[in-house]
């Protein structure tokens, strides 16, 4: 990736996550998006958290989304 990505989740004062937590990360290169997902999954696992596979996707957007493989 061209630079480090730092993500902070705001927690409830009692230490609980909100009922719904969404995060959107945008990258120019698909390889960067895949690397981010892999590293984020590993990082969350260190805290006994996981990414919900049915709610996680890498999507094309912008000018590259039209007709792109």
Foldseek 3Di string as FASTA:
>chain_A
DPDDDDDDADDDPVRHHPPDDDDDDDDPDPVVVVVVQVVVQVVLVVVVDGDDVVPDDDADDDPCRPPHD
